[in-house]
Amino acid sequence: MTGASNNVKIVARNRRARHDYYIEDTYEAGLALQGTEVKSLRQGECSVTEAYAAPRGDELFIFDMHIPPYEAGNIQNHEPTRPRKLLLHRWQLDRIISRCTQRGYTLIPLCVYFKEGRAKVEIALAQRRKLWDKRRKTEERQRRRDAKRDLSR
């Protein structure tokens, strides 16, 4: 999430996303949730590490986002990994869907949060990094650490 302010409560982050993917664009989308899902999110329970978003028709849905059932819920409790609709403007949907259909692009959630009382998810249009790219990135990070250590001596 880019601009954090006082009225934002972060529920879950996908910390591996920036390591595994090249992030090109980010979008803030609303989530269409059931009541027990909102209550479970407010307790800070959510996992987005294996989640992804994909178009279905002319809408976007997020899949495999795990929101555990609300403990005080009844028989009407939600299914933990059901597909959830993402709420975006039509021009954003059109842009994202056209870019998603290109080879190699995927939509991944970066974080789930509450902004002014509404559940939001930050999704990113990304391309997967190759294994050698990850190695190069870690080697570069190690070189920077070594150079910084040498300068401090």
N, C-alpha and C. Protein backbone atom coordinates (compact mmCIF):
# COMPACT_ATOMS: atom_id res chain seq x y z
N MET A 1 0.85 -1.16 0.00
CA MET A 1 0.00 0.00 0.00
C MET A 1 0.89 1.22 0.00
N THR A 2 0.61 2.16 -0.84
CA THR A 2 1.50 3.30 -1.01
C THR A 2 1.30 4.36 0.06
N GLY A 3 0.23 5.12 0.03
CA GLY A 3 0.04 6.22 0.97
C GLY A 3 -0.75 5.81 2.18
N ALA A 4 -0.07 5.49 3.27
CA ALA A 4 -0.76 5.07 4.49
C ALA A 4 -1.12 6.30 5.31
N SER A 5 -2.35 6.35 5.77
CA SER A 5 -2.77 7.44 6.63
C SER A 5 -3.32 6.86 7.92
N ASN A 6 -3.83 7.71 8.79
CA ASN A 6 -4.27 7.27 10.11
C ASN A 6 -5.50 6.38 10.06
N ASN A 7 -6.36 6.52 9.06
CA ASN A 7 -7.60 5.76 9.03
C ASN A 7 -7.48 4.48 8.21
N VAL A 8 -6.28 3.91 8.11
CA VAL A 8 -6.06 2.67 7.37
C VAL A 8 -5.57 1.61 8.34
N LYS A 9 -6.27 0.47 8.38
CA LYS A 9 -5.88 -0.66 9.22
C LYS A 9 -5.53 -1.83 8.31
N ILE A 10 -4.26 -2.20 8.29
CA ILE A 10 -3.79 -3.29 7.43
C ILE A 10 -4.12 -4.62 8.09
N VAL A 11 -4.76 -5.50 7.32
CA VAL A 11 -5.17 -6.81 7.82
C VAL A 11 -4.14 -7.87 7.43
N ALA A 12 -3.71 -7.88 6.16
CA ALA A 12 -2.77 -8.90 5.69
C ALA A 12 -1.91 -8.33 4.57
N ARG A 13 -0.68 -8.81 4.50
CA ARG A 13 0.25 -8.41 3.44
C ARG A 13 0.78 -9.66 2.74
N ASN A 14 1.07 -9.51 1.45
CA ASN A 14 1.72 -10.57 0.68
C ASN A 14 3.18 -10.17 0.57
N ARG A 15 3.99 -10.62 1.52
CA ARG A 15 5.38 -10.18 1.59
C ARG A 15 6.26 -10.81 0.51
N ARG A 16 5.86 -11.95 -0.01
CA ARG A 16 6.66 -12.61 -1.04
C ARG A 16 6.40 -12.05 -2.44
N ALA A 17 5.37 -11.24 -2.60
CA ALA A 17 4.97 -10.78 -3.93
C ALA A 17 6.08 -10.00 -4.62
N ARG A 18 6.71 -9.08 -3.94
CA ARG A 18 7.75 -8.26 -4.58
C ARG A 18 9.02 -9.05 -4.84
N HIS A 19 9.18 -10.16 -4.14
CA HIS A 19 10.33 -11.02 -4.39
C HIS A 19 10.07 -11.94 -5.59
N ASP A 20 8.85 -12.41 -5.75
CA ASP A 20 8.53 -13.38 -6.79
C ASP A 20 8.09 -12.76 -8.11
N TYR A 21 7.71 -11.48 -8.10
CA TYR A 21 7.14 -10.85 -9.29
C TYR A 21 7.76 -9.48 -9.57
N TYR A 22 7.74 -9.09 -10.85
CA TYR A 22 8.00 -7.71 -11.25
C TYR A 22 6.65 -6.99 -11.19
N ILE A 23 6.53 -5.99 -10.35
CA ILE A 23 5.28 -5.25 -10.20
C ILE A 23 5.26 -4.12 -11.23
N GLU A 24 4.22 -4.08 -12.06
CA GLU A 24 4.12 -3.03 -13.08
C GLU A 24 3.15 -1.94 -12.68
N ASP A 25 1.92 -2.29 -12.34
CA ASP A 25 0.90 -1.33 -11.92
C ASP A 25 0.21 -1.84 -10.67
N THR A 26 -0.26 -0.92 -9.85
CA THR A 26 -1.05 -1.31 -8.68
C THR A 26 -2.39 -0.60 -8.73
N TYR A 27 -3.40 -1.26 -8.21
CA TYR A 27 -4.75 -0.72 -8.19
C TYR A 27 -5.37 -0.99 -6.82
N GLU A 28 -6.21 -0.07 -6.37
CA GLU A 28 -6.96 -0.27 -5.14
C GLU A 28 -8.37 -0.69 -5.52
N ALA A 29 -8.79 -1.84 -5.02
CA ALA A 29 -10.11 -2.37 -5.36
C ALA A 29 -10.89 -2.65 -4.08
N GLY A 30 -12.19 -2.46 -4.16
CA GLY A 30 -13.05 -2.84 -3.06
C GLY A 30 -13.34 -4.32 -3.12
N LEU A 31 -13.80 -4.87 -2.02
CA LEU A 31 -14.13 -6.29 -1.95
C LEU A 31 -15.61 -6.45 -1.66
N ALA A 32 -16.29 -7.32 -2.41
CA ALA A 32 -17.69 -7.64 -2.13
C ALA A 32 -17.68 -8.82 -1.15
N LEU A 33 -18.02 -8.53 0.10
CA LEU A 33 -17.92 -9.53 1.16
C LEU A 33 -19.26 -9.78 1.82
N GLN A 34 -19.36 -10.94 2.48
CA GLN A 34 -20.52 -11.24 3.31
C GLN A 34 -20.24 -10.71 4.72
N GLY A 35 -21.28 -10.66 5.55
CA GLY A 35 -21.14 -10.09 6.88
C GLY A 35 -20.14 -10.78 7.77
N THR A 36 -20.13 -12.12 7.75
CA THR A 36 -19.20 -12.84 8.61
C THR A 36 -17.77 -12.70 8.12
N GLU A 37 -17.58 -12.47 6.82
CA GLU A 37 -16.23 -12.24 6.30
C GLU A 37 -15.68 -10.92 6.81
N VAL A 38 -16.52 -9.90 6.86
CA VAL A 38 -16.08 -8.60 7.36
C VAL A 38 -15.70 -8.71 8.83
N LYS A 39 -16.50 -9.42 9.61
CA LYS A 39 -16.21 -9.57 11.03
C LYS A 39 -14.90 -10.33 11.24
N SER A 40 -14.67 -11.35 10.45
CA SER A 40 -13.43 -12.11 10.55
C SER A 40 -12.24 -11.25 10.13
N LEU A 41 -12.39 -10.43 9.09
CA LEU A 41 -11.32 -9.52 8.68
C LEU A 41 -11.02 -8.49 9.76
N ARG A 42 -12.04 -7.98 10.42
CA ARG A 42 -11.84 -6.99 11.48
C ARG A 42 -11.05 -7.58 12.65
N GLN A 43 -11.11 -8.90 12.82
CA GLN A 43 -10.31 -9.56 13.84
C GLN A 43 -8.86 -9.76 13.38
N GLY A 44 -8.57 -9.39 12.12
CA GLY A 44 -7.21 -9.48 11.60
C GLY A 44 -6.86 -10.83 11.04
N GLU A 45 -7.85 -11.59 10.63
CA GLU A 45 -7.60 -12.94 10.12
C GLU A 45 -7.80 -12.99 8.62
N CYS A 46 -6.70 -13.19 7.89
CA CYS A 46 -6.76 -13.29 6.43
C CYS A 46 -5.41 -13.76 5.92
N SER A 47 -5.40 -14.48 4.82
CA SER A 47 -4.16 -14.91 4.19
C SER A 47 -4.27 -14.68 2.68
N VAL A 48 -3.31 -13.94 2.12
CA VAL A 48 -3.33 -13.66 0.69
C VAL A 48 -2.08 -14.19 -0.02
N THR A 49 -1.30 -15.03 0.64
CA THR A 49 -0.04 -15.48 0.03
C THR A 49 -0.26 -16.34 -1.21
N GLU A 50 -1.32 -17.12 -1.25
CA GLU A 50 -1.57 -17.99 -2.40
C GLU A 50 -2.68 -17.46 -3.30
N ALA A 51 -3.16 -16.26 -3.01
CA ALA A 51 -4.29 -15.71 -3.75
C ALA A 51 -3.85 -15.11 -5.09
N TYR A 52 -4.80 -15.06 -6.00
CA TYR A 52 -4.59 -14.41 -7.30
C TYR A 52 -5.94 -13.89 -7.78
N ALA A 53 -5.90 -12.95 -8.70
CA ALA A 53 -7.13 -12.41 -9.27
C ALA A 53 -7.16 -12.74 -10.75
N ALA A 54 -8.37 -12.93 -11.27
CA ALA A 54 -8.52 -13.28 -12.68
C ALA A 54 -9.87 -12.78 -13.17
N PRO A 55 -9.96 -12.46 -14.47
CA PRO A 55 -11.25 -12.03 -15.01
C PRO A 55 -12.18 -13.21 -15.23
N ARG A 56 -13.44 -12.97 -14.98
CA ARG A 56 -14.52 -13.91 -15.29
C ARG A 56 -15.57 -13.11 -16.02
N GLY A 57 -15.63 -13.29 -17.32
CA GLY A 57 -16.52 -12.45 -18.12
C GLY A 57 -15.96 -11.04 -18.17
N ASP A 58 -16.76 -10.06 -17.77
CA ASP A 58 -16.26 -8.69 -17.76
C ASP A 58 -16.10 -8.17 -16.32
N GLU A 59 -15.84 -9.09 -15.38
CA GLU A 59 -15.62 -8.73 -13.99
C GLU A 59 -14.34 -9.39 -13.50
N LEU A 60 -13.80 -8.88 -12.39
CA LEU A 60 -12.61 -9.46 -11.78
C LEU A 60 -12.98 -10.13 -10.47
N PHE A 61 -12.39 -11.28 -10.22
CA PHE A 61 -12.61 -12.01 -8.97
C PHE A 61 -11.27 -12.37 -8.38
N ILE A 62 -11.22 -12.44 -7.05
CA ILE A 62 -10.02 -12.89 -6.36
C ILE A 62 -10.28 -14.32 -5.87
N PHE A 63 -9.32 -15.20 -6.14
CA PHE A 63 -9.45 -16.62 -5.81
C PHE A 63 -8.42 -17.00 -4.76
N ASP A 64 -8.75 -18.01 -3.96
CA ASP A 64 -7.86 -18.60 -2.95
C ASP A 64 -7.41 -17.63 -1.86
N MET A 65 -8.14 -16.55 -1.66
CA MET A 65 -7.88 -15.68 -0.52
C MET A 65 -8.60 -16.31 0.67
N HIS A 66 -7.84 -16.69 1.68
CA HIS A 66 -8.40 -17.44 2.80
C HIS A 66 -8.81 -16.49 3.93
N ILE A 67 -10.12 -16.42 4.17
CA ILE A 67 -10.67 -15.71 5.32
C ILE A 67 -11.34 -16.78 6.17
N PRO A 68 -10.78 -17.08 7.36
CA PRO A 68 -11.35 -18.17 8.17
C PRO A 68 -12.77 -17.84 8.63
N PRO A 69 -13.58 -18.85 8.90
CA PRO A 69 -14.95 -18.60 9.36
C PRO A 69 -14.97 -17.82 10.67
N TYR A 70 -15.97 -16.98 10.82
CA TYR A 70 -16.14 -16.18 12.03
C TYR A 70 -16.51 -17.11 13.17
N GLU A 71 -15.78 -16.99 14.30
CA GLU A 71 -15.98 -17.92 15.41
C GLU A 71 -17.38 -17.85 16.00
N ALA A 72 -17.92 -16.65 16.10
CA ALA A 72 -19.24 -16.49 16.70
C ALA A 72 -20.35 -16.59 15.65
N GLY A 73 -19.99 -17.03 14.43
CA GLY A 73 -20.98 -17.14 13.36
C GLY A 73 -21.90 -18.34 13.57
N ASN A 74 -22.96 -18.36 12.82
CA ASN A 74 -23.92 -19.46 12.93
C ASN A 74 -23.85 -20.32 11.68
N ILE A 75 -24.94 -20.97 11.33
CA ILE A 75 -24.98 -21.85 10.17
C ILE A 75 -24.80 -21.08 8.86
N GLN A 76 -25.02 -19.78 8.89
CA GLN A 76 -24.89 -18.93 7.71
C GLN A 76 -23.44 -18.47 7.47
N ASN A 77 -22.47 -19.07 8.17
CA ASN A 77 -21.08 -18.67 8.04
C ASN A 77 -20.58 -18.89 6.60
N HIS A 78 -19.55 -18.15 6.22
CA HIS A 78 -19.06 -18.17 4.84
C HIS A 78 -18.07 -19.31 4.60
N GLU A 79 -17.86 -19.60 3.32
CA GLU A 79 -16.85 -20.57 2.91
C GLU A 79 -15.50 -19.85 2.89
N PRO A 80 -14.43 -20.41 3.47
CA PRO A 80 -13.17 -19.68 3.64
C PRO A 80 -12.48 -19.24 2.35
N THR A 81 -12.53 -20.02 1.27
CA THR A 81 -11.77 -19.67 0.06
C THR A 81 -12.67 -19.41 -1.14
N ARG A 82 -13.86 -18.95 -0.92
CA ARG A 82 -14.77 -18.72 -2.05
C ARG A 82 -14.25 -17.56 -2.91
N PRO A 83 -14.57 -17.55 -4.21
CA PRO A 83 -14.18 -16.41 -5.06
C PRO A 83 -14.93 -15.15 -4.62
N ARG A 84 -14.21 -14.04 -4.54
CA ARG A 84 -14.81 -12.78 -4.12
C ARG A 84 -14.66 -11.75 -5.23
N LYS A 85 -15.71 -11.00 -5.47
CA LYS A 85 -15.73 -10.03 -6.55
C LYS A 85 -14.93 -8.79 -6.15
N LEU A 86 -14.13 -8.28 -7.10
CA LEU A 86 -13.39 -7.04 -6.89
C LEU A 86 -14.19 -5.89 -7.48
N LEU A 87 -14.27 -4.81 -6.75
CA LEU A 87 -15.06 -3.65 -7.17
C LEU A 87 -14.12 -2.56 -7.68
N LEU A 88 -14.22 -2.29 -8.97
CA LEU A 88 -13.38 -1.29 -9.64
C LEU A 88 -14.23 -0.47 -10.60
N HIS A 89 -13.69 0.66 -11.04
CA HIS A 89 -14.36 1.45 -12.08
C HIS A 89 -14.29 0.70 -13.40
N ARG A 90 -15.22 0.92 -14.28
CA ARG A 90 -15.27 0.22 -15.56
C ARG A 90 -14.00 0.44 -16.38
N TRP A 91 -13.48 1.69 -16.39
CA TRP A 91 -12.27 1.96 -17.17
C TRP A 91 -11.07 1.21 -16.60
N GLN A 92 -11.03 1.03 -15.27
CA GLN A 92 -9.96 0.25 -14.67
C GLN A 92 -10.10 -1.22 -15.02
N LEU A 93 -11.34 -1.73 -14.96
CA LEU A 93 -11.58 -3.12 -15.32
C LEU A 93 -11.16 -3.40 -16.76
N ASP A 94 -11.55 -2.52 -17.68
CA ASP A 94 -11.19 -2.72 -19.08
C ASP A 94 -9.69 -2.74 -19.28
N ARG A 95 -9.00 -1.82 -18.62
CA ARG A 95 -7.54 -1.74 -18.76
C ARG A 95 -6.88 -3.00 -18.19
N ILE A 96 -7.31 -3.41 -17.00
CA ILE A 96 -6.71 -4.58 -16.35
C ILE A 96 -6.98 -5.85 -17.14
N ILE A 97 -8.21 -6.04 -17.59
CA ILE A 97 -8.56 -7.26 -18.34
C ILE A 97 -7.79 -7.33 -19.65
N SER A 98 -7.62 -6.20 -20.33
CA SER A 98 -6.87 -6.22 -21.59
C SER A 98 -5.40 -6.54 -21.35
N ARG A 99 -4.83 -6.05 -20.25
CA ARG A 99 -3.43 -6.34 -19.95
C ARG A 99 -3.26 -7.77 -19.43
N CYS A 100 -4.28 -8.28 -18.73
CA CYS A 100 -4.20 -9.64 -18.18
C CYS A 100 -4.20 -10.70 -19.26
N THR A 101 -4.87 -10.41 -20.36
CA THR A 101 -4.94 -11.41 -21.43
C THR A 101 -3.62 -11.51 -22.19
N GLN A 102 -2.71 -10.53 -22.01
CA GLN A 102 -1.40 -10.63 -22.63
C GLN A 102 -0.60 -11.73 -21.96
N ARG A 103 0.29 -12.29 -22.70
CA ARG A 103 1.08 -13.43 -22.20
C ARG A 103 2.02 -13.00 -21.05
N GLY A 104 1.97 -13.77 -19.98
CA GLY A 104 2.91 -13.56 -18.88
C GLY A 104 2.44 -12.66 -17.76
N TYR A 105 1.30 -11.99 -17.92
CA TYR A 105 0.83 -11.08 -16.87
C TYR A 105 -0.15 -11.80 -15.95
N THR A 106 -0.08 -11.46 -14.68
CA THR A 106 -0.99 -12.01 -13.69
C THR A 106 -1.36 -10.91 -12.70
N LEU A 107 -2.47 -11.11 -12.00
CA LEU A 107 -2.91 -10.17 -10.97
C LEU A 107 -2.72 -10.81 -9.62
N ILE A 108 -1.97 -10.15 -8.75
CA ILE A 108 -1.75 -10.69 -7.42
C ILE A 108 -2.13 -9.64 -6.38
N PRO A 109 -2.66 -10.06 -5.24
CA PRO A 109 -2.95 -9.11 -4.16
C PRO A 109 -1.69 -8.81 -3.37
N LEU A 110 -1.48 -7.53 -3.07
CA LEU A 110 -0.34 -7.13 -2.26
C LEU A 110 -0.71 -7.00 -0.79
N CYS A 111 -1.87 -6.42 -0.52
CA CYS A 111 -2.31 -6.34 0.87
C CYS A 111 -3.82 -6.12 0.95
N VAL A 112 -4.38 -6.49 2.09
CA VAL A 112 -5.80 -6.30 2.38
C VAL A 112 -5.87 -5.37 3.58
N TYR A 113 -6.75 -4.37 3.51
CA TYR A 113 -6.83 -3.38 4.57
C TYR A 113 -8.21 -2.77 4.62
N PHE A 114 -8.47 -2.07 5.71
CA PHE A 114 -9.69 -1.28 5.86
C PHE A 114 -9.32 0.18 5.70
N LYS A 115 -10.04 0.87 4.82
CA LYS A 115 -9.81 2.29 4.59
C LYS A 115 -11.15 2.99 4.79
N GLU A 116 -11.22 3.83 5.80
CA GLU A 116 -12.44 4.54 6.16
C GLU A 116 -13.60 3.57 6.35
N GLY A 117 -13.33 2.43 6.97
CA GLY A 117 -14.36 1.45 7.30
C GLY A 117 -14.72 0.48 6.19
N ARG A 118 -14.10 0.60 5.04
CA ARG A 118 -14.41 -0.28 3.91
C ARG A 118 -13.23 -1.21 3.63
N ALA A 119 -13.55 -2.47 3.33
CA ALA A 119 -12.50 -3.45 3.03
C ALA A 119 -11.97 -3.21 1.63
N LYS A 120 -10.66 -3.10 1.52
CA LYS A 120 -9.99 -2.85 0.24
C LYS A 120 -8.87 -3.86 0.06
N VAL A 121 -8.51 -4.08 -1.19
CA VAL A 121 -7.36 -4.93 -1.51
C VAL A 121 -6.53 -4.18 -2.56
N GLU A 122 -5.22 -4.19 -2.37
CA GLU A 122 -4.33 -3.60 -3.36
C GLU A 122 -3.86 -4.73 -4.26
N ILE A 123 -4.22 -4.66 -5.54
CA ILE A 123 -3.81 -5.70 -6.48
C ILE A 123 -2.76 -5.12 -7.41
N ALA A 124 -1.91 -5.99 -7.91
CA ALA A 124 -0.82 -5.55 -8.78
C ALA A 124 -0.82 -6.37 -10.06
N LEU A 125 -0.60 -5.68 -11.16
CA LEU A 125 -0.40 -6.33 -12.44
C LEU A 125 1.09 -6.67 -12.50
N ALA A 126 1.42 -7.94 -12.60
CA ALA A 126 2.81 -8.35 -12.42
C ALA A 126 3.20 -9.46 -13.38
N GLN A 127 4.51 -9.62 -13.52
CA GLN A 127 5.08 -10.74 -14.28
C GLN A 127 5.97 -11.53 -13.34
N ARG A 128 5.93 -12.85 -13.45
CA ARG A 128 6.72 -13.71 -12.57
C ARG A 128 8.20 -13.57 -12.87
N ARG A 129 9.01 -13.52 -11.82
CA ARG A 129 10.46 -13.50 -11.97
C ARG A 129 10.96 -14.91 -12.23
N LYS A 130 11.98 -15.01 -13.01
CA LYS A 130 12.64 -16.30 -13.23
C LYS A 130 13.59 -16.56 -12.05
N LEU A 131 14.00 -17.80 -11.89
CA LEU A 131 14.87 -18.16 -10.78
C LEU A 131 16.19 -17.41 -10.84
N TRP A 132 16.74 -17.24 -12.04
CA TRP A 132 18.01 -16.54 -12.15
C TRP A 132 17.85 -15.06 -11.83
N ASP A 133 16.67 -14.48 -12.06
CA ASP A 133 16.43 -13.09 -11.67
C ASP A 133 16.44 -12.94 -10.16
N LYS A 134 15.86 -13.92 -9.48
CA LYS A 134 15.84 -13.88 -8.01
C LYS A 134 17.26 -13.97 -7.47
N ARG A 135 18.07 -14.86 -8.07
CA ARG A 135 19.45 -15.00 -7.62
C ARG A 135 20.23 -13.71 -7.84
N ARG A 136 20.03 -13.09 -9.01
CA ARG A 136 20.73 -11.85 -9.30
C ARG A 136 20.34 -10.75 -8.31
N LYS A 137 19.06 -10.72 -7.96
CA LYS A 137 18.58 -9.71 -7.01
C LYS A 137 19.21 -9.91 -5.64
N THR A 138 19.30 -11.16 -5.17
CA THR A 138 19.90 -11.41 -3.86
C THR A 138 21.40 -11.14 -3.88
N GLU A 139 22.08 -11.46 -4.98
CA GLU A 139 23.51 -11.15 -5.09
C GLU A 139 23.75 -9.65 -5.07
N GLU A 140 22.90 -8.90 -5.76
CA GLU A 140 23.04 -7.45 -5.79
C GLU A 140 22.81 -6.86 -4.39
N ARG A 141 21.83 -7.39 -3.68
CA ARG A 141 21.56 -6.93 -2.32
C ARG A 141 22.75 -7.22 -1.41
N GLN A 142 23.36 -8.39 -1.58
CA GLN A 142 24.52 -8.75 -0.77
C GLN A 142 25.70 -7.84 -1.08
N ARG A 143 25.91 -7.51 -2.37
CA ARG A 143 26.99 -6.59 -2.74
C ARG A 143 26.81 -5.22 -2.11
N ARG A 144 25.55 -4.73 -2.10
CA ARG A 144 25.28 -3.43 -1.47
C ARG A 144 25.58 -3.46 0.02
N ARG A 145 25.20 -4.57 0.68
CA ARG A 145 25.49 -4.70 2.12
C ARG A 145 26.99 -4.70 2.38
N ASP A 146 27.73 -5.45 1.55
CA ASP A 146 29.18 -5.51 1.72
C ASP A 146 29.82 -4.14 1.51
N ALA A 147 29.37 -3.42 0.48
CA ALA A 147 29.92 -2.09 0.20
C ALA A 147 29.60 -1.13 1.35
N LYS A 148 28.42 -1.20 1.88
CA LYS A 148 28.02 -0.34 2.99
C LYS A 148 28.87 -0.65 4.23
N ARG A 149 29.11 -1.93 4.47
CA ARG A 149 29.93 -2.34 5.61
C ARG A 149 31.36 -1.86 5.44
N ASP A 150 31.92 -1.95 4.20
CA ASP A 150 33.29 -1.49 3.96
C ASP A 150 33.40 0.03 4.14
N LEU A 151 32.37 0.76 3.74
CA LEU A 151 32.39 2.22 3.90
C LEU A 151 32.32 2.63 5.37
N SER A 152 31.63 1.86 6.17
CA SER A 152 31.48 2.22 7.58
C SER A 152 32.77 1.96 8.37
N ARG A 153 33.67 1.13 7.85
CA ARG A 153 34.93 0.83 8.54
C ARG A 153 35.94 1.92 8.40
